[in-house]
Structure formats: C-alpha cells, structure tokens
C-alpha cells in the first residue's frame, strides 16, 4: 500500500508539472497564430478533445521542405561505401572456357573472388533522385589456381613452372586503386525511409601490385610479390541495383587482364553483393 501511495503521488506530481508547460505552450501558440498566416512559414493544426482544443505549429510547410530538398548541392568527402563482395570470372576471347594457351590459369570458381570499396567521393546532387560523383577506392581480384604451378616473377611475359609439390592453397591475385564515375538514380523514400537505387558508370584502375600466395606441407606458407604482367592500367564499367543499403553489382573490364601477348583477349568480369549504398 505504501508503494502504491508513493507511486500515485509521483504520477500526480508529474502530471501537474506537465500540465503547466502545456498550457503555457498553448497560450504562446495562439499568440503566434496570426503571424503564421502572414509569413507562410508555419502550418497550423488544431486538435479538439471535447470542449478543449490544442494548436500545433510546424516550423515550415511541407511544400517548403520539398523545395529545400530539391535544391542541387555539391557532395563529397571521406566515406566507406559500396563495399563489393563477389566472384570473378576470366573470359577468354568471349568464352568462359580457357583456351589451351591459358589453361595453366584454370581456377576454382567458388574460391575465385573480388573485393572492393570506396573511401572518397566528390560530386553534385542535382535533386533527391539523381546525382553524379567521382569516387576513389581499392579493388582486389583473388584467383584460386587448380594446378600446382608457380607464376614466375620479373619475366617479360606471363610465365610459370610446374611444381612437384601439392599446394593446399595456390592463390594468384592483384590489387588496384580504382576511380569510378557514377551516375546514381534513386526512387522516392518509402514509409520505411528506404529507396531503390540504380548506379551505372565507367571506371579506371591503376595497378598497385600482384601477389602469389602458396600453402604446402613442404614449404609452409610463402608469398611472392611482383607486377606479374597484370595490366598496369585498366578500364571498364560497373552497374549496381539495390534497395536500402543492399544491392547487386557487376563489373566488366574492356582491356586485357595481362600485358602479355599470349594472353591477348583474356579479360576479367565480376559480380556479387554490394553493401553500403547511399
């Protein structure tokens, strides 16, 4: 019983404290009602409870907010967006099957992957549904080789040697700094505050390095770094479609994957899931 009395007193005191500012706010609101009709920057909403009424003032009309949101503006800065995780495929002169010349690059499809993300972006948002921006980030292609070979370092062309070692992992990879130009189309926000996205645009990349990583019982874990005749400069295109912060992507590079005559026409594409659309 004592606890119930204390609770009742607390509730009563709280209700009394809340009543005073509400009454004061109502008086102030009614006083400002005339001004709101003249400057057209406030919207009046009257709510009735029996014989009483309460007036609510919004700072701006909905139309004013829409006009403000529709204004173009520059965007840019440090970011961590468009994180792409997916699979890579080698296309040999238009075919997903490697030619006899390139069969030494035979790879495990489910373990050949791509990872990329953006860390900078600068552009212009024309309206809530369209913006154009240049981004900057990093891109990795990780090829899991099937054959027990070692790609050779510091050779004029892409070369390899066969090994009498069974590799539990034989990964051939590259890393690039990429600069995409994105054209982003967005739908209106729904009641959950989410949008549909469609992003498309060209991309150029600059080689940072290549790497061979091998794991075997005989040698343990070893790593070798070189350019491995990967194309020093590549160019291609990217397309993304998504909803909220999640989407799907595909990338295709228009020039050859290697700067090596024997690998002429061997190109790279990738596809997968994008996180962090905005």
C-alpha atoms as a PDB file:
ATOM      1  CA  UNK A   1       0.000   0.000   0.000  1.00  0.00           C
ATOM      2  CA  UNK A   2       2.827   2.407   0.858  1.00  0.00           C
ATOM      3  CA  UNK A   3       4.442   1.812  -2.517  1.00  0.00           C
ATOM      4  CA  UNK A   4       1.132   2.438  -4.266  1.00  0.00           C
ATOM      5  CA  UNK A   5       0.705   5.768  -2.468  1.00  0.00           C
ATOM      6  CA  UNK A   6       4.218   6.877  -3.366  1.00  0.00           C
ATOM      7  CA  UNK A   7       3.619   5.916  -6.994  1.00  0.00           C
ATOM      8  CA  UNK A   8       0.315   7.804  -7.055  1.00  0.00           C
ATOM      9  CA  UNK A   9       1.962  10.926  -5.638  1.00  0.00           C
ATOM     10  CA  UNK A  10       4.755  10.735  -8.225  1.00  0.00           C
ATOM     11  CA  UNK A  11       2.324  10.332 -11.087  1.00  0.00           C
ATOM     12  CA  UNK A  12       0.164  13.177  -9.801  1.00  0.00           C
ATOM     13  CA  UNK A  13       3.171  15.476  -9.427  1.00  0.00           C
ATOM     14  CA  UNK A  14       4.425  14.584 -12.882  1.00  0.00           C
ATOM     15  CA  UNK A  15       1.011  15.230 -14.417  1.00  0.00           C
ATOM     16  CA  UNK A  16       0.846  18.610 -12.704  1.00  0.00           C
ATOM     17  CA  UNK A  17       4.302  19.551 -13.888  1.00  0.00           C
ATOM     18  CA  UNK A  18       3.412  18.571 -17.450  1.00  0.00           C
ATOM     19  CA  UNK A  19       0.126  20.488 -17.406  1.00  0.00           C
ATOM     20  CA  UNK A  20       1.744  23.875 -16.754  1.00  0.00           C
ATOM     21  CA  UNK A  21       4.124  23.938 -19.721  1.00  0.00           C
ATOM     22  CA  UNK A  22       1.378  22.607 -21.988  1.00  0.00           C
ATOM     23  CA  UNK A  23      -0.913  25.452 -21.004  1.00  0.00           C
ATOM     24  CA  UNK A  24       1.841  27.980 -21.455  1.00  0.00           C
ATOM     25  CA  UNK A  25       2.693  26.496 -24.831  1.00  0.00           C
ATOM     26  CA  UNK A  26      -0.966  26.707 -25.896  1.00  0.00           C
ATOM     27  CA  UNK A  27      -1.135  30.376 -24.949  1.00  0.00           C
ATOM     28  CA  UNK A  28       2.068  31.140 -26.818  1.00  0.00           C
ATOM     29  CA  UNK A  29       0.859  29.168 -29.803  1.00  0.00           C
ATOM     30  CA  UNK A  30      -2.408  31.098 -30.030  1.00  0.00           C
ATOM     31  CA  UNK A  31      -0.484  34.335 -29.773  1.00  0.00           C
ATOM     32  CA  UNK A  32       1.659  33.388 -32.750  1.00  0.00           C
ATOM     33  CA  UNK A  33      -1.201  32.095 -34.852  1.00  0.00           C
ATOM     34  CA  UNK A  34      -1.765  35.441 -36.580  1.00  0.00           C
ATOM     35  CA  UNK A  35       1.900  35.724 -37.548  1.00  0.00           C
ATOM     36  CA  UNK A  36       1.960  32.229 -39.020  1.00  0.00           C
ATOM     37  CA  UNK A  37      -0.710  33.096 -41.526  1.00  0.00           C
ATOM     38  CA  UNK A  38       1.196  36.130 -42.795  1.00  0.00           C
ATOM     39  CA  UNK A  39       4.720  34.758 -43.332  1.00  0.00           C
ATOM     40  CA  UNK A  40       3.550  31.389 -44.747  1.00  0.00           C
ATOM     41  CA  UNK A  41       6.394  29.607 -42.963  1.00  0.00           C
ATOM     42  CA  UNK A  42       4.279  27.912 -40.322  1.00  0.00           C
ATOM     43  CA  UNK A  43       1.477  25.404 -40.614  1.00  0.00           C
ATOM     44  CA  UNK A  44      -1.381  25.413 -38.063  1.00  0.00           C
ATOM     45  CA  UNK A  45      -3.039  22.189 -36.932  1.00  0.00           C
ATOM     46  CA  UNK A  46      -5.914  22.346 -34.414  1.00  0.00           C
ATOM     47  CA  UNK A  47      -6.864  19.208 -32.449  1.00  0.00           C
ATOM     48  CA  UNK A  48     -10.048  19.079 -30.308  1.00  0.00           C
ATOM     49  CA  UNK A  49     -10.788  16.938 -27.231  1.00  0.00           C
ATOM     50  CA  UNK A  50     -14.428  17.620 -26.374  1.00  0.00           C
ATOM     51  CA  UNK A  51     -14.649  21.350 -25.498  1.00  0.00           C
ATOM     52  CA  UNK A  52     -10.877  21.822 -25.410  1.00  0.00           C
ATOM     53  CA  UNK A  53      -8.564  22.325 -28.310  1.00  0.00           C
ATOM     54  CA  UNK A  54      -4.831  22.319 -28.861  1.00  0.00           C
ATOM     55  CA  UNK A  55      -2.957  24.050 -31.640  1.00  0.00           C
ATOM     56  CA  UNK A  56       0.328  22.706 -33.066  1.00  0.00           C
ATOM     57  CA  UNK A  57       2.688  24.836 -35.125  1.00  0.00           C
ATOM     58  CA  UNK A  58       5.084  23.280 -37.676  1.00  0.00           C
ATOM     59  CA  UNK A  59       8.235  25.242 -38.436  1.00  0.00           C
ATOM     60  CA  UNK A  60       7.843  25.002 -42.215  1.00  0.00           C
ATOM     61  CA  UNK A  61       5.199  23.827 -44.626  1.00  0.00           C
ATOM     62  CA  UNK A  62       5.666  20.502 -46.392  1.00  0.00           C
ATOM     63  CA  UNK A  63       5.999  22.285 -49.711  1.00  0.00           C
ATOM     64  CA  UNK A  64       8.827  24.440 -48.356  1.00  0.00           C
ATOM     65  CA  UNK A  65      10.658  21.349 -47.158  1.00  0.00           C
ATOM     66  CA  UNK A  66      10.259  19.716 -50.561  1.00  0.00           C
ATOM     67  CA  UNK A  67      11.599  22.798 -52.306  1.00  0.00           C
ATOM     68  CA  UNK A  68      14.607  22.851 -49.994  1.00  0.00           C
ATOM     69  CA  UNK A  69      15.319  19.130 -50.561  1.00  0.00           C
ATOM     70  CA  UNK A  70      15.076  19.612 -54.337  1.00  0.00           C
ATOM     71  CA  UNK A  71      17.892  22.170 -54.456  1.00  0.00           C
ATOM     72  CA  UNK A  72      21.133  20.994 -56.041  1.00  0.00           C
ATOM     73  CA  UNK A  73      24.273  20.886 -53.940  1.00  0.00           C
ATOM     74  CA  UNK A  74      27.852  19.647 -54.002  1.00  0.00           C
ATOM     75  CA  UNK A  75      28.678  16.474 -52.088  1.00  0.00           C
ATOM     76  CA  UNK A  76      31.985  14.938 -51.103  1.00  0.00           C
ATOM     77  CA  UNK A  77      34.436  13.780 -48.502  1.00  0.00           C
ATOM     78  CA  UNK A  78      35.769  10.659 -46.853  1.00  0.00           C
ATOM     79  CA  UNK A  79      33.404   7.704 -46.950  1.00  0.00           C
ATOM     80  CA  UNK A  80      33.293   3.921 -46.634  1.00  0.00           C
ATOM     81  CA  UNK A  81      30.631   2.827 -49.067  1.00  0.00           C
ATOM     82  CA  UNK A  82      29.851   0.496 -51.966  1.00  0.00           C
ATOM     83  CA  UNK A  83      31.608  -2.498 -50.466  1.00  0.00           C
ATOM     84  CA  UNK A  84      31.554  -5.161 -53.197  1.00  0.00           C
ATOM     85  CA  UNK A  85      31.968  -8.840 -52.318  1.00  0.00           C
ATOM     86  CA  UNK A  86      31.597 -11.366 -55.113  1.00  0.00           C
ATOM     87  CA  UNK A  87      33.045 -13.761 -57.648  1.00  0.00           C
ATOM     88  CA  UNK A  88      35.454 -13.171 -60.529  1.00  0.00           C
ATOM     89  CA  UNK A  89      35.362 -14.890 -63.897  1.00  0.00           C
ATOM     90  CA  UNK A  90      38.002 -14.969 -66.627  1.00  0.00           C
ATOM     91  CA  UNK A  91      36.658 -14.531 -70.149  1.00  0.00           C
ATOM     92  CA  UNK A  92      38.961 -15.889 -72.851  1.00  0.00           C
ATOM     93  CA  UNK A  93      38.120 -14.142 -76.135  1.00  0.00           C
ATOM     94  CA  UNK A  94      34.415 -14.163 -75.340  1.00  0.00           C
ATOM     95  CA  UNK A  95      34.312 -17.637 -73.758  1.00  0.00           C
ATOM     96  CA  UNK A  96      34.120 -18.663 -70.115  1.00  0.00           C
ATOM     97  CA  UNK A  97      36.279 -21.699 -71.011  1.00  0.00           C
ATOM     98  CA  UNK A  98      40.009 -21.111 -71.074  1.00  0.00           C
ATOM     99  CA  UNK A  99      41.922 -21.844 -74.262  1.00  0.00           C
ATOM    100  CA  UNK A 100      44.798 -24.407 -74.230  1.00  0.00           C
ATOM    101  CA  UNK A 101      47.259 -21.479 -74.106  1.00  0.00           C
ATOM    102  CA  UNK A 102      45.697 -20.169 -70.902  1.00  0.00           C
ATOM    103  CA  UNK A 103      44.711 -23.480 -69.336  1.00  0.00           C
ATOM    104  CA  UNK A 104      47.505 -23.138 -66.759  1.00  0.00           C
ATOM    105  CA  UNK A 105      45.284 -20.397 -65.218  1.00  0.00           C
ATOM    106  CA  UNK A 106      42.484 -22.912 -64.579  1.00  0.00           C
ATOM    107  CA  UNK A 107      40.844 -21.850 -61.311  1.00  0.00           C
ATOM    108  CA  UNK A 108      38.304 -22.861 -58.679  1.00  0.00           C
ATOM    109  CA  UNK A 109      35.237 -20.790 -59.428  1.00  0.00           C
ATOM    110  CA  UNK A 110      33.692 -20.758 -55.959  1.00  0.00           C
ATOM    111  CA  UNK A 111      37.007 -19.643 -54.418  1.00  0.00           C
ATOM    112  CA  UNK A 112      37.922 -17.024 -57.022  1.00  0.00           C
ATOM    113  CA  UNK A 113      36.637 -13.768 -55.639  1.00  0.00           C
ATOM    114  CA  UNK A 114      36.676  -9.997 -55.751  1.00  0.00           C
ATOM    115  CA  UNK A 115      36.642  -7.364 -53.004  1.00  0.00           C
ATOM    116  CA  UNK A 116      36.397  -3.603 -53.453  1.00  0.00           C
ATOM    117  CA  UNK A 117      35.238  -0.476 -51.651  1.00  0.00           C
ATOM    118  CA  UNK A 118      35.301   3.314 -51.960  1.00  0.00           C
ATOM    119  CA  UNK A 119      36.940   5.678 -49.480  1.00  0.00           C
ATOM    120  CA  UNK A 120      36.391   9.066 -51.191  1.00  0.00           C
ATOM    121  CA  UNK A 121      33.692  10.673 -53.295  1.00  0.00           C
ATOM    122  CA  UNK A 122      33.085  14.113 -54.819  1.00  0.00           C
ATOM    123  CA  UNK A 123      30.181  15.155 -56.972  1.00  0.00           C
ATOM    124  CA  UNK A 124      26.930  17.030 -57.377  1.00  0.00           C
ATOM    125  CA  UNK A 125      23.411  16.081 -56.320  1.00  0.00           C
ATOM    126  CA  UNK A 126      21.000  17.660 -58.781  1.00  0.00           C
ATOM    127  CA  UNK A 127      17.849  16.637 -56.876  1.00  0.00           C
ATOM    128  CA  UNK A 128      16.733  13.892 -54.448  1.00  0.00           C
ATOM    129  CA  UNK A 129      16.600  11.385 -57.314  1.00  0.00           C
ATOM    130  CA  UNK A 130      19.813  11.938 -59.289  1.00  0.00           C
ATOM    131  CA  UNK A 131      23.460  12.657 -58.552  1.00  0.00           C
ATOM    132  CA  UNK A 132      26.825  12.317 -60.310  1.00  0.00           C
ATOM    133  CA  UNK A 133      30.083  11.741 -58.453  1.00  0.00           C
ATOM    134  CA  UNK A 134      33.672  10.594 -58.841  1.00  0.00           C
ATOM    135  CA  UNK A 135      34.843   8.089 -56.215  1.00  0.00           C
ATOM    136  CA  UNK A 136      38.159   6.561 -55.220  1.00  0.00           C
ATOM    137  CA  UNK A 137      38.924   3.226 -53.623  1.00  0.00           C
ATOM    138  CA  UNK A 138      40.596  -0.157 -53.882  1.00  0.00           C
ATOM    139  CA  UNK A 139      39.919  -3.392 -55.728  1.00  0.00           C
ATOM    140  CA  UNK A 140      41.270  -6.944 -55.342  1.00  0.00           C
ATOM    141  CA  UNK A 141      40.902  -9.976 -57.624  1.00  0.00           C
ATOM    142  CA  UNK A 142      41.809 -13.291 -55.939  1.00  0.00           C
ATOM    143  CA  UNK A 143      42.271 -16.257 -58.306  1.00  0.00           C
ATOM    144  CA  UNK A 144      42.473 -19.711 -56.680  1.00  0.00           C
ATOM    145  CA  UNK A 145      44.540 -21.798 -59.095  1.00  0.00           C
ATOM    146  CA  UNK A 146      43.803 -25.510 -59.563  1.00  0.00           C
ATOM    147  CA  UNK A 147      47.233 -26.506 -60.840  1.00  0.00           C
ATOM    148  CA  UNK A 148      50.394 -26.953 -58.812  1.00  0.00           C
ATOM    149  CA  UNK A 149      52.337 -24.221 -60.570  1.00  0.00           C
ATOM    150  CA  UNK A 150      54.238 -21.099 -59.618  1.00  0.00           C
ATOM    151  CA  UNK A 151      53.785 -17.921 -61.655  1.00  0.00           C
ATOM    152  CA  UNK A 152      57.233 -16.503 -62.288  1.00  0.00           C
ATOM    153  CA  UNK A 153      58.479 -13.110 -61.147  1.00  0.00           C
ATOM    154  CA  UNK A 154      60.260 -10.472 -63.267  1.00  0.00           C
ATOM    155  CA  UNK A 155      59.588 -12.069 -66.659  1.00  0.00           C
ATOM    156  CA  UNK A 156      58.813 -10.145 -69.893  1.00  0.00           C
ATOM    157  CA  UNK A 157      55.638 -12.220 -70.380  1.00  0.00           C
ATOM    158  CA  UNK A 158      53.363 -14.225 -68.106  1.00  0.00           C
ATOM    159  CA  UNK A 159      55.256 -17.450 -67.399  1.00  0.00           C
ATOM    160  CA  UNK A 160      55.006 -20.344 -64.948  1.00  0.00           C
ATOM    161  CA  UNK A 161      56.762 -23.519 -63.833  1.00  0.00           C
ATOM    162  CA  UNK A 162      55.162 -26.801 -62.759  1.00  0.00           C
ATOM    163  CA  UNK A 163      55.966 -27.917 -59.227  1.00  0.00           C
ATOM    164  CA  UNK A 164      56.383 -31.378 -57.638  1.00  0.00           C
ATOM    165  CA  UNK A 165      54.505 -30.022 -54.643  1.00  0.00           C
ATOM    166  CA  UNK A 166      50.883 -30.402 -53.722  1.00  0.00           C
ATOM    167  CA  UNK A 167      49.575 -26.950 -52.771  1.00  0.00           C
ATOM    168  CA  UNK A 168      46.624 -26.799 -50.392  1.00  0.00           C
ATOM    169  CA  UNK A 169      46.308 -23.159 -51.466  1.00  0.00           C
ATOM    170  CA  UNK A 170      47.709 -21.544 -54.583  1.00  0.00           C
ATOM    171  CA  UNK A 171      46.316 -18.030 -54.915  1.00  0.00           C
ATOM    172  CA  UNK A 172      47.219 -15.596 -57.676  1.00  0.00           C
ATOM    173  CA  UNK A 173      45.938 -12.069 -57.023  1.00  0.00           C
ATOM    174  CA  UNK A 174      46.181  -8.397 -57.908  1.00  0.00           C
ATOM    175  CA  UNK A 175      45.246  -5.123 -56.242  1.00  0.00           C
ATOM    176  CA  UNK A 176      44.269  -1.880 -57.955  1.00  0.00           C
ATOM    177  CA  UNK A 177      43.383   1.675 -56.996  1.00  0.00           C
ATOM    178  CA  UNK A 178      40.170   2.457 -58.850  1.00  0.00           C
ATOM    179  CA  UNK A 179      38.396   5.681 -59.827  1.00  0.00           C
ATOM    180  CA  UNK A 180      34.766   5.196 -60.863  1.00  0.00           C
ATOM    181  CA  UNK A 181      32.464   7.879 -62.270  1.00  0.00           C
ATOM    182  CA  UNK A 182      28.961   7.030 -61.054  1.00  0.00           C
ATOM    183  CA  UNK A 183      25.559   8.168 -62.270  1.00  0.00           C
ATOM    184  CA  UNK A 184      23.113   7.364 -59.474  1.00  0.00           C
ATOM    185  CA  UNK A 185      19.334   7.243 -59.860  1.00  0.00           C
ATOM    186  CA  UNK A 186      17.184   6.937 -56.722  1.00  0.00           C
ATOM    187  CA  UNK A 187      13.496   6.480 -56.105  1.00  0.00           C
ATOM    188  CA  UNK A 188      11.476   8.366 -53.506  1.00  0.00           C
ATOM    189  CA  UNK A 189      11.791   7.189 -49.928  1.00  0.00           C
ATOM    190  CA  UNK A 190       9.064   4.819 -48.804  1.00  0.00           C
ATOM    191  CA  UNK A 191       7.399   4.792 -45.395  1.00  0.00           C
ATOM    192  CA  UNK A 192      10.434   2.910 -44.008  1.00  0.00           C
ATOM    193  CA  UNK A 193      12.817   5.627 -45.185  1.00  0.00           C
ATOM    194  CA  UNK A 194      14.416   3.378 -47.839  1.00  0.00           C
ATOM    195  CA  UNK A 195      14.932   3.811 -51.583  1.00  0.00           C
ATOM    196  CA  UNK A 196      15.596   1.819 -54.726  1.00  0.00           C
ATOM    197  CA  UNK A 197      18.951   2.552 -56.404  1.00  0.00           C
ATOM    198  CA  UNK A 198      20.354   2.166 -59.895  1.00  0.00           C
ATOM    199  CA  UNK A 199      24.004   3.143 -60.364  1.00  0.00           C
ATOM    200  CA  UNK A 200      25.990   2.891 -63.591  1.00  0.00           C
ATOM    201  CA  UNK A 201      29.225   4.349 -64.905  1.00  0.00           C
ATOM    202  CA  UNK A 202      32.761   3.876 -66.240  1.00  0.00           C
ATOM    203  CA  UNK A 203      35.790   3.071 -64.122  1.00  0.00           C
ATOM    204  CA  UNK A 204      39.576   3.258 -64.494  1.00  0.00           C
ATOM    205  CA  UNK A 205      42.111   1.444 -62.301  1.00  0.00           C
ATOM    206  CA  UNK A 206      45.853   1.575 -61.660  1.00  0.00           C
ATOM    207  CA  UNK A 207      47.838  -1.488 -60.636  1.00  0.00           C
ATOM    208  CA  UNK A 208      49.322  -1.470 -57.142  1.00  0.00           C
ATOM    209  CA  UNK A 209      50.849  -4.971 -57.131  1.00  0.00           C
ATOM    210  CA  UNK A 210      50.384  -8.637 -57.858  1.00  0.00           C
ATOM    211  CA  UNK A 211      50.873 -11.492 -55.443  1.00  0.00           C
ATOM    212  CA  UNK A 212      51.283 -15.260 -55.301  1.00  0.00           C
ATOM    213  CA  UNK A 213      50.396 -16.949 -52.015  1.00  0.00           C
ATOM    214  CA  UNK A 214      51.041 -20.662 -51.603  1.00  0.00           C
ATOM    215  CA  UNK A 215      50.499 -23.104 -48.763  1.00  0.00           C
ATOM    216  CA  UNK A 216      52.035 -26.597 -48.766  1.00  0.00           C
ATOM    217  CA  UNK A 217      53.374 -29.195 -46.329  1.00  0.00           C
ATOM    218  CA  UNK A 218      56.848 -28.904 -47.820  1.00  0.00           C
ATOM    219  CA  UNK A 219      57.264 -25.117 -47.783  1.00  0.00           C
ATOM    220  CA  UNK A 220      54.561 -23.965 -45.387  1.00  0.00           C
ATOM    221  CA  UNK A 221      53.145 -20.556 -46.233  1.00  0.00           C
ATOM    222  CA  UNK A 222      55.058 -18.431 -48.766  1.00  0.00           C
ATOM    223  CA  UNK A 223      54.270 -15.146 -50.534  1.00  0.00           C
ATOM    224  CA  UNK A 224      55.795 -13.552 -53.628  1.00  0.00           C
ATOM    225  CA  UNK A 225      55.109 -10.031 -54.892  1.00  0.00           C
ATOM    226  CA  UNK A 226      55.591  -8.704 -58.411  1.00  0.00           C
ATOM    227  CA  UNK A 227      53.521  -6.997 -61.106  1.00  0.00           C
ATOM    228  CA  UNK A 228      53.174 -10.423 -62.812  1.00  0.00           C
ATOM    229  CA  UNK A 229      52.395  -8.680 -66.106  1.00  0.00           C
ATOM    230  CA  UNK A 230      48.996  -7.577 -64.877  1.00  0.00           C
ATOM    231  CA  UNK A 231      47.689  -4.688 -66.937  1.00  0.00           C
ATOM    232  CA  UNK A 232      49.126  -1.508 -65.335  1.00  0.00           C
ATOM    233  CA  UNK A 233      46.069   0.473 -66.415  1.00  0.00           C
ATOM    234  CA  UNK A 234      42.618  -0.979 -66.964  1.00  0.00           C
ATOM    235  CA  UNK A 235      39.230   0.467 -67.795  1.00  0.00           C
ATOM    236  CA  UNK A 236      35.716  -0.871 -67.662  1.00  0.00           C
ATOM    237  CA  UNK A 237      32.210  -0.299 -66.387  1.00  0.00           C
ATOM    238  CA  UNK A 238      30.102  -1.016 -63.310  1.00  0.00           C
ATOM    239  CA  UNK A 239      26.360  -1.385 -62.752  1.00  0.00           C
ATOM    240  CA  UNK A 240      24.533  -1.710 -59.426  1.00  0.00           C
ATOM    241  CA  UNK A 241      20.910  -2.134 -58.452  1.00  0.00           C
ATOM    242  CA  UNK A 242      19.724  -2.175 -54.862  1.00  0.00           C
ATOM    243  CA  UNK A 243      17.266  -1.328 -52.146  1.00  0.00           C
ATOM    244  CA  UNK A 244      18.136   0.367 -48.884  1.00  0.00           C
ATOM    245  CA  UNK A 245      21.803  -0.289 -48.163  1.00  0.00           C
ATOM    246  CA  UNK A 246      21.989  -3.644 -50.006  1.00  0.00           C
ATOM    247  CA  UNK A 247      22.348  -4.353 -53.721  1.00  0.00           C
ATOM    248  CA  UNK A 248      23.825  -6.403 -56.546  1.00  0.00           C
ATOM    249  CA  UNK A 249      26.736  -5.382 -58.770  1.00  0.00           C
ATOM    250  CA  UNK A 250      28.532  -6.456 -61.926  1.00  0.00           C
ATOM    251  CA  UNK A 251      31.826  -5.179 -63.374  1.00  0.00           C
ATOM    252  CA  UNK A 252      33.475  -5.783 -66.721  1.00  0.00           C
ATOM    253  CA  UNK A 253      36.909  -4.606 -67.880  1.00  0.00           C
ATOM    254  CA  UNK A 254      37.259  -3.809 -71.557  1.00  0.00           C
ATOM    255  CA  UNK A 255      41.011  -4.228 -71.922  1.00  0.00           C
ATOM    256  CA  UNK A 256      43.098  -7.375 -71.432  1.00  0.00           C
ATOM    257  CA  UNK A 257      43.831  -8.642 -67.950  1.00  0.00           C
ATOM    258  CA  UNK A 258      47.564  -9.141 -68.688  1.00  0.00           C
ATOM    259  CA  UNK A 259      50.117  -7.123 -70.620  1.00  0.00           C
ATOM    260  CA  UNK A 260      51.365 -10.291 -72.298  1.00  0.00           C
ATOM    261  CA  UNK A 261      50.920 -11.262 -76.000  1.00  0.00           C
ATOM    262  CA  UNK A 262      49.996 -14.893 -75.270  1.00  0.00           C
ATOM    263  CA  UNK A 263      47.097 -13.735 -73.066  1.00  0.00           C
ATOM    264  CA  UNK A 264      45.631 -11.351 -75.632  1.00  0.00           C
ATOM    265  CA  UNK A 265      41.829 -11.309 -75.322  1.00  0.00           C
ATOM    266  CA  UNK A 266      41.788 -12.677 -71.766  1.00  0.00           C
ATOM    267  CA  UNK A 267      39.597 -10.358 -69.716  1.00  0.00           C
ATOM    268  CA  UNK A 268      38.009 -10.185 -66.290  1.00  0.00           C
ATOM    269  CA  UNK A 269      34.475  -9.663 -65.026  1.00  0.00           C
ATOM    270  CA  UNK A 270      32.950  -9.903 -61.561  1.00  0.00           C
ATOM    271  CA  UNK A 271      29.542  -9.940 -59.878  1.00  0.00           C
ATOM    272  CA  UNK A 272      28.167 -10.191 -56.368  1.00  0.00           C
ATOM    273  CA  UNK A 273      26.646  -8.254 -53.478  1.00  0.00           C
ATOM    274  CA  UNK A 274      27.108  -4.587 -52.627  1.00  0.00           C
ATOM    275  CA  UNK A 275      26.839  -3.250 -49.076  1.00  0.00           C
ATOM    276  CA  UNK A 276      26.568   0.413 -48.114  1.00  0.00           C
ATOM    277  CA  UNK A 277      24.606   2.040 -50.920  1.00  0.00           C
ATOM    278  CA  UNK A 278      23.785   5.669 -50.129  1.00  0.00           C
END
